[in-house]
């Protein structure tokens, strides 16, 4: 499909939703996982690990931004945020209605009060996972970041791919503007400064805790 022919919000919304069908899940009491971590800190890596272990749908903001770059969408950062919010709020709501657990692969701390109010209105339980990271490793990761070639060809691929175009400048800006959440809001912490094997062990502990607390 030639996505460049897409111009207005409704066309963009309808095309993305139609090419990313929402499937019926099996969770009688779905819940939401939210991530507290800026770009490059390992959100997508953790999201993949969690999805490998439990029945959950990933909702990735960068996937929508990548889609917008393939269309003729015109607008500034606020316009982009508006359409990303519209698409992914719809996906979140519909996935929950269809009995799917959901994980938002984005930084919940940005505009936290507004976002959390929207989450609460949905009426589903949620947990916040804080990402602890090594700043030097994150800077190196962003510098060396590359997309998979197949991402350039379609918009109905997995939300666990790395779609981010974030630069070092984006990281510095997010780091400066980041809202520090109170400890009482954090359900679990995962440190991504370790090797993959050790990160996986932390994710295993998260899953164990979710089961003990009857989310799963």
N, C-alpha and C. Protein backbone atom coordinates (compact mmCIF):
# COMPACT_ATOMS: atom_id res chain seq x y z
N UNK A 1 0.84 -1.20 0.00
CA UNK A 1 0.00 0.00 0.00
C UNK A 1 0.87 1.25 0.00
N UNK A 2 0.44 2.27 -0.72
CA UNK A 2 1.17 3.54 -0.75
C UNK A 2 0.67 4.42 0.39
N UNK A 3 1.38 4.39 1.51
CA UNK A 3 0.95 5.16 2.67
C UNK A 3 1.10 6.66 2.46
N UNK A 4 1.86 7.07 1.47
CA UNK A 4 2.06 8.49 1.20
C UNK A 4 0.77 9.19 0.77
N UNK A 5 -0.21 8.43 0.37
CA UNK A 5 -1.48 9.04 -0.03
C UNK A 5 -2.32 9.44 1.18
N UNK A 6 -1.91 8.97 2.35
CA UNK A 6 -2.65 9.28 3.58
C UNK A 6 -2.27 10.66 4.09
N UNK A 7 -3.28 11.51 4.31
CA UNK A 7 -3.00 12.89 4.70
C UNK A 7 -3.67 13.26 6.03
N UNK A 8 -4.99 13.05 6.12
CA UNK A 8 -5.69 13.56 7.30
C UNK A 8 -5.75 12.53 8.43
N UNK A 9 -6.13 12.98 9.60
CA UNK A 9 -6.13 12.14 10.80
C UNK A 9 -7.00 10.90 10.65
N UNK A 10 -8.19 11.06 10.08
CA UNK A 10 -9.12 9.93 9.98
C UNK A 10 -8.57 8.82 9.08
N UNK A 11 -7.97 9.21 7.95
CA UNK A 11 -7.38 8.22 7.04
C UNK A 11 -6.24 7.48 7.73
N UNK A 12 -5.43 8.22 8.41
CA UNK A 12 -4.27 7.63 9.10
C UNK A 12 -4.74 6.69 10.21
N UNK A 13 -5.69 7.15 11.01
CA UNK A 13 -6.24 6.33 12.10
C UNK A 13 -6.83 5.04 11.55
N UNK A 14 -7.72 5.15 10.57
CA UNK A 14 -8.41 3.98 10.03
C UNK A 14 -7.44 2.97 9.42
N UNK A 15 -6.43 3.47 8.69
CA UNK A 15 -5.48 2.57 8.04
C UNK A 15 -4.66 1.81 9.08
N UNK A 16 -4.17 2.51 10.08
CA UNK A 16 -3.35 1.85 11.10
C UNK A 16 -4.17 0.80 11.85
N UNK A 17 -5.37 1.15 12.26
CA UNK A 17 -6.21 0.22 13.02
C UNK A 17 -6.59 -0.99 12.17
N UNK A 18 -6.91 -0.76 10.90
CA UNK A 18 -7.32 -1.85 10.02
C UNK A 18 -6.17 -2.82 9.74
N UNK A 19 -4.94 -2.32 9.74
CA UNK A 19 -3.79 -3.18 9.45
C UNK A 19 -3.18 -3.78 10.71
N UNK A 20 -3.71 -3.42 11.86
CA UNK A 20 -3.23 -3.96 13.13
C UNK A 20 -4.45 -4.44 13.92
N UNK A 21 -5.01 -5.56 13.50
CA UNK A 21 -6.24 -6.08 14.08
C UNK A 21 -6.06 -6.43 15.56
N UNK A 22 -7.10 -6.17 16.32
CA UNK A 22 -7.11 -6.51 17.74
C UNK A 22 -7.79 -7.86 17.91
N UNK A 23 -7.06 -8.80 18.48
CA UNK A 23 -7.54 -10.16 18.62
C UNK A 23 -8.22 -10.36 19.98
N UNK A 24 -9.06 -11.38 20.05
CA UNK A 24 -9.75 -11.70 21.29
C UNK A 24 -8.81 -12.45 22.23
N UNK A 25 -8.70 -11.99 23.48
CA UNK A 25 -7.83 -12.63 24.46
C UNK A 25 -8.58 -13.57 25.39
N UNK A 26 -7.86 -14.09 26.38
CA UNK A 26 -8.44 -15.08 27.29
C UNK A 26 -8.34 -14.67 28.75
N UNK A 27 -8.04 -13.39 29.01
CA UNK A 27 -7.84 -12.94 30.38
C UNK A 27 -9.13 -12.32 30.92
N UNK A 28 -9.72 -12.96 31.92
CA UNK A 28 -11.00 -12.49 32.46
C UNK A 28 -10.85 -11.15 33.20
N UNK A 29 -9.65 -10.91 33.76
CA UNK A 29 -9.40 -9.65 34.46
C UNK A 29 -8.09 -9.04 33.95
N UNK A 30 -8.12 -8.46 32.75
CA UNK A 30 -6.89 -7.90 32.18
C UNK A 30 -6.36 -6.72 32.99
N UNK A 31 -5.05 -6.52 32.90
CA UNK A 31 -4.42 -5.41 33.61
C UNK A 31 -3.40 -4.74 32.67
N UNK A 32 -2.82 -3.65 33.14
CA UNK A 32 -1.92 -2.83 32.32
C UNK A 32 -0.56 -2.71 32.99
N UNK A 33 0.50 -2.90 32.21
CA UNK A 33 1.87 -2.62 32.68
C UNK A 33 2.33 -1.31 32.06
N UNK A 34 2.80 -0.40 32.90
CA UNK A 34 3.32 0.89 32.46
C UNK A 34 4.81 0.95 32.78
N UNK A 35 5.58 1.60 31.92
CA UNK A 35 7.03 1.67 32.10
C UNK A 35 7.49 3.10 32.40
N UNK A 36 8.34 3.21 33.39
CA UNK A 36 8.93 4.49 33.78
C UNK A 36 10.38 4.49 33.32
N UNK A 37 10.60 5.01 32.10
CA UNK A 37 11.95 5.03 31.55
C UNK A 37 12.00 5.79 30.24
N UNK A 38 13.00 6.62 30.06
CA UNK A 38 13.09 7.43 28.85
C UNK A 38 13.74 6.63 27.72
N UNK A 39 13.89 7.25 26.56
CA UNK A 39 14.39 6.56 25.37
C UNK A 39 15.77 5.94 25.59
N UNK A 40 15.96 4.75 25.04
CA UNK A 40 17.26 4.08 25.11
C UNK A 40 17.55 3.32 26.37
N UNK A 41 16.63 3.34 27.34
CA UNK A 41 16.90 2.71 28.63
C UNK A 41 16.51 1.23 28.67
N UNK A 42 15.89 0.74 27.59
CA UNK A 42 15.60 -0.69 27.53
C UNK A 42 14.13 -1.07 27.57
N UNK A 43 13.23 -0.11 27.31
CA UNK A 43 11.79 -0.41 27.38
C UNK A 43 11.37 -1.52 26.42
N UNK A 44 11.82 -1.43 25.17
CA UNK A 44 11.41 -2.42 24.18
C UNK A 44 12.00 -3.79 24.48
N UNK A 45 13.24 -3.82 24.98
CA UNK A 45 13.87 -5.09 25.36
C UNK A 45 13.08 -5.76 26.48
N UNK A 46 12.73 -4.98 27.49
CA UNK A 46 11.96 -5.52 28.61
C UNK A 46 10.57 -5.96 28.13
N UNK A 47 9.97 -5.18 27.25
CA UNK A 47 8.64 -5.52 26.72
C UNK A 47 8.67 -6.87 26.03
N UNK A 48 9.71 -7.10 25.22
CA UNK A 48 9.83 -8.39 24.52
C UNK A 48 9.97 -9.54 25.52
N UNK A 49 10.78 -9.33 26.55
CA UNK A 49 10.99 -10.38 27.55
C UNK A 49 9.70 -10.70 28.28
N UNK A 50 8.94 -9.68 28.62
CA UNK A 50 7.69 -9.90 29.33
C UNK A 50 6.71 -10.65 28.43
N UNK A 51 6.62 -10.24 27.16
CA UNK A 51 5.70 -10.89 26.23
C UNK A 51 6.08 -12.35 25.99
N UNK A 52 7.37 -12.67 26.09
CA UNK A 52 7.82 -14.05 25.94
C UNK A 52 7.35 -14.93 27.10
N UNK A 53 6.98 -14.28 28.20
CA UNK A 53 6.67 -15.04 29.41
C UNK A 53 5.19 -15.04 29.78
N UNK A 54 4.45 -14.03 29.38
CA UNK A 54 3.04 -13.97 29.74
C UNK A 54 2.20 -13.55 28.53
N UNK A 55 0.91 -13.76 28.63
CA UNK A 55 -0.03 -13.39 27.58
C UNK A 55 -0.33 -11.89 27.70
N UNK A 56 0.28 -11.09 26.82
CA UNK A 56 0.13 -9.64 26.92
C UNK A 56 0.34 -9.00 25.55
N UNK A 57 -0.38 -7.91 25.29
CA UNK A 57 -0.25 -7.18 24.04
C UNK A 57 0.58 -5.92 24.28
N UNK A 58 1.59 -5.71 23.43
CA UNK A 58 2.45 -4.53 23.51
C UNK A 58 1.83 -3.41 22.68
N UNK A 59 1.79 -2.21 23.24
CA UNK A 59 1.29 -1.03 22.51
C UNK A 59 2.43 -0.02 22.48
N UNK A 60 3.00 0.15 21.28
CA UNK A 60 4.27 0.85 21.10
C UNK A 60 4.05 2.21 20.43
N UNK A 61 4.34 3.29 21.15
CA UNK A 61 4.18 4.64 20.60
C UNK A 61 5.09 4.87 19.39
N UNK A 62 6.32 4.35 19.45
CA UNK A 62 7.27 4.57 18.35
C UNK A 62 6.80 3.90 17.07
N UNK A 63 6.03 2.83 17.19
CA UNK A 63 5.49 2.18 16.00
C UNK A 63 4.56 3.13 15.25
N UNK A 64 3.73 3.85 15.99
CA UNK A 64 2.81 4.81 15.36
C UNK A 64 3.60 5.96 14.76
N UNK A 65 4.61 6.44 15.47
CA UNK A 65 5.44 7.54 14.94
C UNK A 65 6.13 7.11 13.65
N UNK A 66 6.59 5.87 13.62
CA UNK A 66 7.21 5.36 12.40
C UNK A 66 6.20 5.34 11.26
N UNK A 67 4.99 4.90 11.54
CA UNK A 67 3.92 4.89 10.54
C UNK A 67 3.66 6.30 10.01
N UNK A 68 3.62 7.28 10.91
CA UNK A 68 3.38 8.66 10.49
C UNK A 68 4.46 9.14 9.53
N UNK A 69 5.69 8.68 9.73
CA UNK A 69 6.80 9.08 8.85
C UNK A 69 6.63 8.51 7.44
N UNK A 70 5.80 7.48 7.31
CA UNK A 70 5.57 6.85 6.01
C UNK A 70 4.39 7.48 5.26
N UNK A 71 3.63 8.33 5.95
CA UNK A 71 2.47 8.98 5.35
C UNK A 71 2.82 10.41 4.95
N UNK A 72 1.80 11.16 4.53
CA UNK A 72 1.99 12.58 4.23
C UNK A 72 1.46 13.45 5.37
N UNK A 73 1.47 12.88 6.57
CA UNK A 73 1.04 13.61 7.76
C UNK A 73 1.88 14.87 7.94
N UNK A 74 1.22 15.99 8.15
CA UNK A 74 1.90 17.26 8.33
C UNK A 74 1.50 17.83 9.69
N UNK A 75 2.49 18.19 10.47
CA UNK A 75 2.20 18.78 11.77
C UNK A 75 3.45 18.85 12.61
N UNK A 76 3.35 19.60 13.71
CA UNK A 76 4.49 19.73 14.61
C UNK A 76 4.44 18.62 15.66
N UNK A 77 5.29 18.71 16.66
CA UNK A 77 5.40 17.67 17.68
C UNK A 77 4.07 17.45 18.40
N UNK A 78 3.34 18.54 18.68
CA UNK A 78 2.05 18.42 19.37
C UNK A 78 1.03 17.70 18.50
N UNK A 79 1.06 17.97 17.20
CA UNK A 79 0.14 17.28 16.28
C UNK A 79 0.45 15.78 16.25
N UNK A 80 1.74 15.47 16.24
CA UNK A 80 2.15 14.07 16.24
C UNK A 80 1.70 13.38 17.52
N UNK A 81 1.90 14.05 18.65
CA UNK A 81 1.49 13.49 19.93
C UNK A 81 -0.02 13.24 19.96
N UNK A 82 -0.78 14.14 19.34
CA UNK A 82 -2.24 14.01 19.33
C UNK A 82 -2.68 12.73 18.62
N UNK A 83 -2.13 12.47 17.44
CA UNK A 83 -2.56 11.30 16.67
C UNK A 83 -2.02 10.01 17.29
N UNK A 84 -0.80 10.05 17.85
CA UNK A 84 -0.26 8.87 18.55
C UNK A 84 -1.16 8.52 19.73
N UNK A 85 -1.55 9.54 20.48
CA UNK A 85 -2.43 9.33 21.64
C UNK A 85 -3.78 8.76 21.20
N UNK A 86 -4.35 9.31 20.12
CA UNK A 86 -5.65 8.85 19.63
C UNK A 86 -5.61 7.39 19.23
N UNK A 87 -4.59 7.01 18.46
CA UNK A 87 -4.48 5.64 17.99
C UNK A 87 -4.22 4.67 19.13
N UNK A 88 -3.26 4.98 19.97
CA UNK A 88 -2.88 4.01 21.00
C UNK A 88 -3.83 3.97 22.18
N UNK A 89 -4.55 5.06 22.44
CA UNK A 89 -5.58 4.98 23.48
C UNK A 89 -6.71 4.07 23.00
N UNK A 90 -7.04 4.18 21.72
CA UNK A 90 -8.06 3.30 21.16
C UNK A 90 -7.61 1.85 21.24
N UNK A 91 -6.36 1.59 20.85
CA UNK A 91 -5.83 0.22 20.89
C UNK A 91 -5.81 -0.33 22.31
N UNK A 92 -5.44 0.51 23.27
CA UNK A 92 -5.42 0.09 24.66
C UNK A 92 -6.83 -0.28 25.13
N UNK A 93 -7.77 0.61 24.88
CA UNK A 93 -9.14 0.39 25.33
C UNK A 93 -9.75 -0.85 24.69
N UNK A 94 -9.56 -1.02 23.39
CA UNK A 94 -10.14 -2.16 22.69
C UNK A 94 -9.48 -3.47 23.09
N UNK A 95 -8.17 -3.46 23.32
CA UNK A 95 -7.49 -4.67 23.77
C UNK A 95 -8.00 -5.10 25.14
N UNK A 96 -8.19 -4.15 26.04
CA UNK A 96 -8.69 -4.48 27.37
C UNK A 96 -10.11 -5.03 27.29
N UNK A 97 -10.95 -4.40 26.46
CA UNK A 97 -12.33 -4.87 26.28
C UNK A 97 -12.35 -6.29 25.73
N UNK A 98 -11.32 -6.62 24.95
CA UNK A 98 -11.23 -7.95 24.35
C UNK A 98 -10.39 -8.92 25.18
N UNK A 99 -10.27 -8.60 26.46
CA UNK A 99 -9.64 -9.51 27.44
C UNK A 99 -8.16 -9.73 27.20
N UNK A 100 -7.46 -8.68 26.77
CA UNK A 100 -6.01 -8.75 26.60
C UNK A 100 -5.31 -7.91 27.67
N UNK A 101 -4.33 -8.52 28.35
CA UNK A 101 -3.43 -7.72 29.17
C UNK A 101 -2.65 -6.80 28.24
N UNK A 102 -2.25 -5.63 28.73
CA UNK A 102 -1.57 -4.66 27.87
C UNK A 102 -0.32 -4.10 28.53
N UNK A 103 0.69 -3.86 27.71
CA UNK A 103 1.91 -3.20 28.15
C UNK A 103 2.15 -2.00 27.26
N UNK A 104 2.26 -0.81 27.85
CA UNK A 104 2.51 0.40 27.09
C UNK A 104 4.02 0.63 26.99
N UNK A 105 4.55 0.48 25.78
CA UNK A 105 5.98 0.68 25.54
C UNK A 105 6.22 2.17 25.27
N UNK A 106 6.16 2.94 26.35
CA UNK A 106 6.39 4.38 26.31
C UNK A 106 6.68 4.83 27.73
N UNK A 107 7.15 6.06 27.89
CA UNK A 107 7.51 6.56 29.22
C UNK A 107 6.28 7.17 29.89
N UNK A 108 5.78 6.51 30.92
CA UNK A 108 4.58 6.99 31.60
C UNK A 108 4.84 8.26 32.39
N UNK A 109 6.09 8.55 32.72
CA UNK A 109 6.39 9.71 33.57
C UNK A 109 6.16 11.04 32.84
N UNK A 110 6.21 11.03 31.50
CA UNK A 110 5.97 12.24 30.72
C UNK A 110 4.49 12.58 30.76
N UNK A 111 4.14 13.78 31.25
CA UNK A 111 2.73 14.16 31.44
C UNK A 111 2.00 13.11 32.27
N UNK A 112 2.64 12.72 33.36
CA UNK A 112 2.15 11.61 34.16
C UNK A 112 0.71 11.78 34.64
N UNK A 113 0.38 12.94 35.21
CA UNK A 113 -0.95 13.14 35.79
C UNK A 113 -2.05 12.95 34.75
N UNK A 114 -1.83 13.50 33.55
CA UNK A 114 -2.83 13.38 32.49
C UNK A 114 -2.97 11.93 32.04
N UNK A 115 -1.83 11.27 31.84
CA UNK A 115 -1.86 9.88 31.38
C UNK A 115 -2.49 8.96 32.41
N UNK A 116 -2.12 9.12 33.66
CA UNK A 116 -2.61 8.20 34.69
C UNK A 116 -4.10 8.40 34.92
N UNK A 117 -4.58 9.63 34.73
CA UNK A 117 -6.01 9.88 34.85
C UNK A 117 -6.79 9.15 33.75
N UNK A 118 -6.23 9.15 32.53
CA UNK A 118 -6.84 8.41 31.43
C UNK A 118 -6.86 6.91 31.73
N UNK A 119 -5.75 6.41 32.28
CA UNK A 119 -5.66 4.99 32.62
C UNK A 119 -6.71 4.63 33.68
N UNK A 120 -6.83 5.46 34.69
CA UNK A 120 -7.77 5.19 35.78
C UNK A 120 -9.21 5.18 35.28
N UNK A 121 -9.52 6.05 34.32
CA UNK A 121 -10.89 6.11 33.79
C UNK A 121 -11.28 4.82 33.09
N UNK A 122 -10.30 4.08 32.58
CA UNK A 122 -10.60 2.82 31.92
C UNK A 122 -11.09 1.77 32.91
N UNK A 123 -10.69 1.92 34.18
CA UNK A 123 -11.21 1.05 35.22
C UNK A 123 -10.47 -0.27 35.40
N UNK A 124 -9.27 -0.39 34.83
CA UNK A 124 -8.50 -1.64 34.95
C UNK A 124 -7.30 -1.43 35.88
N UNK A 125 -6.86 -2.50 36.52
CA UNK A 125 -5.68 -2.41 37.38
C UNK A 125 -4.44 -2.16 36.54
N UNK A 126 -3.46 -1.49 37.13
CA UNK A 126 -2.20 -1.23 36.44
C UNK A 126 -1.05 -1.29 37.42
N UNK A 127 0.14 -1.56 36.89
CA UNK A 127 1.37 -1.52 37.68
C UNK A 127 2.41 -0.70 36.91
N UNK A 128 3.30 -0.06 37.64
CA UNK A 128 4.35 0.75 37.02
C UNK A 128 5.71 0.10 37.29
N UNK A 129 6.44 -0.16 36.22
CA UNK A 129 7.78 -0.74 36.33
C UNK A 129 8.81 0.35 36.08
N UNK A 130 9.67 0.59 37.05
CA UNK A 130 10.73 1.59 36.88
C UNK A 130 11.97 0.94 36.27
N UNK A 131 12.55 1.61 35.27
CA UNK A 131 13.78 1.12 34.64
C UNK A 131 14.97 1.89 35.19
N UNK A 132 15.90 1.16 35.77
CA UNK A 132 17.16 1.74 36.24
C UNK A 132 18.21 1.45 35.18
N UNK A 133 19.05 2.41 34.87
CA UNK A 133 19.96 2.23 33.73
C UNK A 133 21.32 2.88 33.99
N UNK A 134 22.28 2.44 33.20
CA UNK A 134 23.62 3.03 33.21
C UNK A 134 23.67 4.08 32.10
N UNK A 135 23.87 5.34 32.46
CA UNK A 135 23.77 6.43 31.50
C UNK A 135 24.75 6.28 30.35
N UNK A 136 25.99 5.90 30.63
CA UNK A 136 27.00 5.76 29.57
C UNK A 136 26.60 4.66 28.59
N UNK A 137 26.06 3.56 29.09
CA UNK A 137 25.63 2.48 28.21
C UNK A 137 24.46 2.90 27.34
N UNK A 138 23.55 3.69 27.91
CA UNK A 138 22.40 4.17 27.14
C UNK A 138 22.85 5.08 26.02
N UNK A 139 23.77 5.98 26.30
CA UNK A 139 24.28 6.89 25.27
C UNK A 139 24.93 6.12 24.13
N UNK A 140 25.67 5.08 24.48
CA UNK A 140 26.30 4.24 23.46
C UNK A 140 25.25 3.48 22.66
N UNK A 141 24.23 3.00 23.34
CA UNK A 141 23.16 2.24 22.68
C UNK A 141 22.41 3.11 21.66
N UNK A 142 22.12 4.34 22.05
CA UNK A 142 21.41 5.25 21.15
C UNK A 142 22.28 5.59 19.95
N UNK A 143 23.55 5.81 20.19
CA UNK A 143 24.48 6.15 19.12
C UNK A 143 24.57 5.03 18.08
N UNK A 144 24.52 3.78 18.54
CA UNK A 144 24.69 2.62 17.66
C UNK A 144 23.37 2.01 17.20
N UNK A 145 22.24 2.62 17.58
CA UNK A 145 20.93 2.04 17.31
C UNK A 145 20.65 1.95 15.81
N UNK A 146 20.12 0.80 15.39
CA UNK A 146 19.73 0.60 13.99
C UNK A 146 18.37 -0.11 13.95
N UNK A 147 17.57 0.23 12.95
CA UNK A 147 16.28 -0.42 12.75
C UNK A 147 16.45 -1.67 11.91
N UNK A 148 15.53 -2.61 12.09
CA UNK A 148 15.47 -3.76 11.20
C UNK A 148 14.97 -3.30 9.83
N UNK A 149 15.56 -3.80 8.77
CA UNK A 149 15.20 -3.38 7.42
C UNK A 149 13.72 -3.60 7.14
N UNK A 150 13.16 -4.72 7.62
CA UNK A 150 11.77 -5.03 7.30
C UNK A 150 10.79 -4.02 7.88
N UNK A 151 11.20 -3.25 8.89
CA UNK A 151 10.32 -2.25 9.48
C UNK A 151 9.95 -1.18 8.44
N UNK A 152 10.83 -0.95 7.49
CA UNK A 152 10.58 0.08 6.48
C UNK A 152 9.49 -0.32 5.49
N UNK A 153 9.04 -1.57 5.52
CA UNK A 153 8.15 -2.07 4.47
C UNK A 153 6.69 -2.19 4.88
N UNK A 154 6.39 -2.24 6.16
CA UNK A 154 5.02 -2.52 6.58
C UNK A 154 4.73 -1.88 7.92
N UNK A 155 3.42 -1.77 8.25
CA UNK A 155 3.05 -1.22 9.54
C UNK A 155 2.33 -2.24 10.41
N UNK A 156 2.16 -3.47 9.93
CA UNK A 156 1.44 -4.46 10.73
C UNK A 156 2.39 -5.50 11.32
N UNK A 157 3.60 -5.05 11.64
CA UNK A 157 4.59 -5.92 12.28
C UNK A 157 4.42 -5.87 13.79
N UNK A 158 5.18 -6.67 14.49
CA UNK A 158 5.10 -6.74 15.95
C UNK A 158 5.44 -5.40 16.60
N UNK A 159 4.74 -5.11 17.69
CA UNK A 159 5.03 -3.89 18.46
C UNK A 159 6.32 -4.05 19.26
N UNK A 160 6.94 -5.22 19.25
CA UNK A 160 8.17 -5.41 20.02
C UNK A 160 9.42 -5.04 19.24
N UNK A 161 9.27 -4.68 17.95
CA UNK A 161 10.43 -4.21 17.19
C UNK A 161 10.91 -2.87 17.74
N UNK A 162 12.17 -2.54 17.43
CA UNK A 162 12.69 -1.22 17.80
C UNK A 162 12.40 -0.25 16.67
N UNK A 163 11.38 0.58 16.85
CA UNK A 163 10.97 1.55 15.84
C UNK A 163 11.56 2.94 16.08
N UNK A 164 12.25 3.11 17.18
CA UNK A 164 12.63 4.45 17.61
C UNK A 164 13.64 5.14 16.69
N UNK A 165 13.38 6.42 16.45
CA UNK A 165 14.33 7.29 15.74
C UNK A 165 15.01 8.25 16.71
N UNK A 166 14.85 8.02 18.01
CA UNK A 166 15.35 8.95 19.01
C UNK A 166 16.86 9.14 18.90
N UNK A 167 17.29 10.37 19.05
CA UNK A 167 18.70 10.73 18.94
C UNK A 167 19.26 11.03 20.33
N UNK A 168 20.56 11.29 20.36
CA UNK A 168 21.19 11.68 21.62
C UNK A 168 20.57 12.97 22.15
N UNK A 169 20.23 13.88 21.23
CA UNK A 169 19.60 15.14 21.63
C UNK A 169 18.25 14.88 22.29
N UNK A 170 17.52 13.90 21.76
CA UNK A 170 16.23 13.53 22.35
C UNK A 170 16.44 13.00 23.77
N UNK A 171 17.47 12.17 23.93
CA UNK A 171 17.76 11.62 25.26
C UNK A 171 18.07 12.74 26.25
N UNK A 172 18.94 13.68 25.85
CA UNK A 172 19.29 14.78 26.75
C UNK A 172 18.07 15.59 27.14
N UNK A 173 17.18 15.83 26.17
CA UNK A 173 15.97 16.61 26.44
C UNK A 173 15.06 15.86 27.41
N UNK A 174 14.87 14.56 27.15
CA UNK A 174 14.00 13.76 28.01
C UNK A 174 14.58 13.64 29.41
N UNK A 175 15.89 13.48 29.47
CA UNK A 175 16.55 13.37 30.77
C UNK A 175 16.36 14.64 31.58
N UNK A 176 16.46 15.77 30.92
CA UNK A 176 16.31 17.07 31.59
C UNK A 176 14.88 17.29 32.06
N UNK A 177 13.91 16.89 31.24
CA UNK A 177 12.50 17.16 31.52
C UNK A 177 11.80 16.06 32.30
N UNK A 178 12.50 14.96 32.57
CA UNK A 178 11.84 13.79 33.16
C UNK A 178 11.20 14.10 34.51
N UNK A 179 9.99 13.62 34.66
CA UNK A 179 9.27 13.72 35.93
C UNK A 179 9.65 12.52 36.80
N UNK A 180 10.18 12.77 37.98
CA UNK A 180 10.59 11.69 38.88
C UNK A 180 9.37 11.24 39.70
N UNK A 181 8.96 10.00 39.49
CA UNK A 181 7.79 9.48 40.17
C UNK A 181 8.11 9.07 41.61
N UNK A 182 7.15 9.26 42.47
CA UNK A 182 7.30 8.88 43.87
C UNK A 182 7.47 7.37 43.99
N UNK A 183 8.30 6.96 44.93
CA UNK A 183 8.58 5.53 45.13
C UNK A 183 7.32 4.72 45.38
N UNK A 184 6.34 5.34 46.01
CA UNK A 184 5.11 4.62 46.37
C UNK A 184 4.31 4.19 45.14
N UNK A 185 4.59 4.79 43.98
CA UNK A 185 3.88 4.48 42.75
C UNK A 185 4.49 3.29 42.00
N UNK A 186 5.72 2.92 42.39
CA UNK A 186 6.48 1.92 41.64
C UNK A 186 6.20 0.51 42.17
N UNK A 187 5.78 -0.36 41.28
CA UNK A 187 5.47 -1.75 41.62
C UNK A 187 6.72 -2.62 41.62
N UNK A 188 7.64 -2.36 40.68
CA UNK A 188 8.82 -3.20 40.51
C UNK A 188 9.89 -2.39 39.79
N UNK A 189 11.16 -2.74 40.02
CA UNK A 189 12.27 -2.08 39.33
C UNK A 189 13.09 -3.11 38.57
N UNK A 190 13.52 -2.73 37.36
CA UNK A 190 14.39 -3.58 36.55
C UNK A 190 15.61 -2.77 36.14
N UNK A 191 16.79 -3.30 36.43
CA UNK A 191 18.04 -2.62 36.12
C UNK A 191 18.59 -3.14 34.80
N UNK A 192 18.62 -2.29 33.78
CA UNK A 192 19.07 -2.71 32.44
C UNK A 192 20.56 -2.48 32.21
N UNK A 193 21.29 -2.16 33.26
CA UNK A 193 22.73 -1.96 33.10
C UNK A 193 23.49 -3.29 33.11
N UNK A 194 22.78 -4.38 33.47
CA UNK A 194 23.39 -5.70 33.52
C UNK A 194 23.36 -6.39 32.16
N UNK A 195 23.95 -7.58 32.11
CA UNK A 195 23.90 -8.39 30.89
C UNK A 195 22.49 -8.94 30.69
N UNK A 196 22.19 -9.35 29.46
CA UNK A 196 20.84 -9.82 29.11
C UNK A 196 20.35 -10.92 30.05
N UNK A 197 21.22 -11.87 30.36
CA UNK A 197 20.82 -12.99 31.22
C UNK A 197 20.32 -12.49 32.57
N UNK A 198 21.02 -11.51 33.13
CA UNK A 198 20.63 -10.96 34.43
C UNK A 198 19.34 -10.14 34.34
N UNK A 199 19.12 -9.47 33.21
CA UNK A 199 17.88 -8.74 33.02
C UNK A 199 16.72 -9.72 32.94
N UNK A 200 16.94 -10.84 32.25
CA UNK A 200 15.90 -11.87 32.14
C UNK A 200 15.53 -12.43 33.51
N UNK A 201 16.51 -12.59 34.38
CA UNK A 201 16.22 -13.09 35.73
C UNK A 201 15.35 -12.09 36.49
N UNK A 202 15.60 -10.80 36.27
CA UNK A 202 14.77 -9.78 36.91
C UNK A 202 13.34 -9.83 36.38
N UNK A 203 13.20 -10.05 35.08
CA UNK A 203 11.86 -10.16 34.49
C UNK A 203 11.15 -11.39 35.04
N UNK A 204 11.88 -12.48 35.24
CA UNK A 204 11.29 -13.68 35.84
C UNK A 204 10.75 -13.37 37.24
N UNK A 205 11.49 -12.57 37.99
CA UNK A 205 11.04 -12.18 39.34
C UNK A 205 9.79 -11.31 39.26
N UNK A 206 9.73 -10.44 38.24
CA UNK A 206 8.54 -9.62 38.03
C UNK A 206 7.32 -10.51 37.77
N UNK A 207 7.48 -11.47 36.88
CA UNK A 207 6.37 -12.37 36.55
C UNK A 207 5.93 -13.15 37.79
N UNK A 208 6.90 -13.60 38.58
CA UNK A 208 6.58 -14.32 39.81
C UNK A 208 5.76 -13.44 40.75
N UNK A 209 6.14 -12.18 40.88
CA UNK A 209 5.42 -11.24 41.75
C UNK A 209 4.00 -10.99 41.22
N UNK A 210 3.87 -10.85 39.91
CA UNK A 210 2.53 -10.64 39.32
C UNK A 210 1.62 -11.83 39.61
N UNK A 211 2.18 -13.03 39.58
CA UNK A 211 1.40 -14.22 39.86
C UNK A 211 1.01 -14.26 41.35
N UNK A 212 1.97 -13.94 42.21
CA UNK A 212 1.71 -13.94 43.64
C UNK A 212 0.63 -12.92 44.00
N UNK A 213 0.62 -11.79 43.30
CA UNK A 213 -0.35 -10.73 43.56
C UNK A 213 -1.64 -10.89 42.77
N UNK A 214 -1.75 -12.04 42.09
CA UNK A 214 -2.97 -12.44 41.36
C UNK A 214 -3.33 -11.54 40.19
N UNK A 215 -2.31 -10.98 39.55
CA UNK A 215 -2.55 -10.31 38.26
C UNK A 215 -2.63 -11.33 37.15
N UNK A 216 -1.93 -12.45 37.35
CA UNK A 216 -1.89 -13.51 36.34
C UNK A 216 -2.56 -14.78 36.89
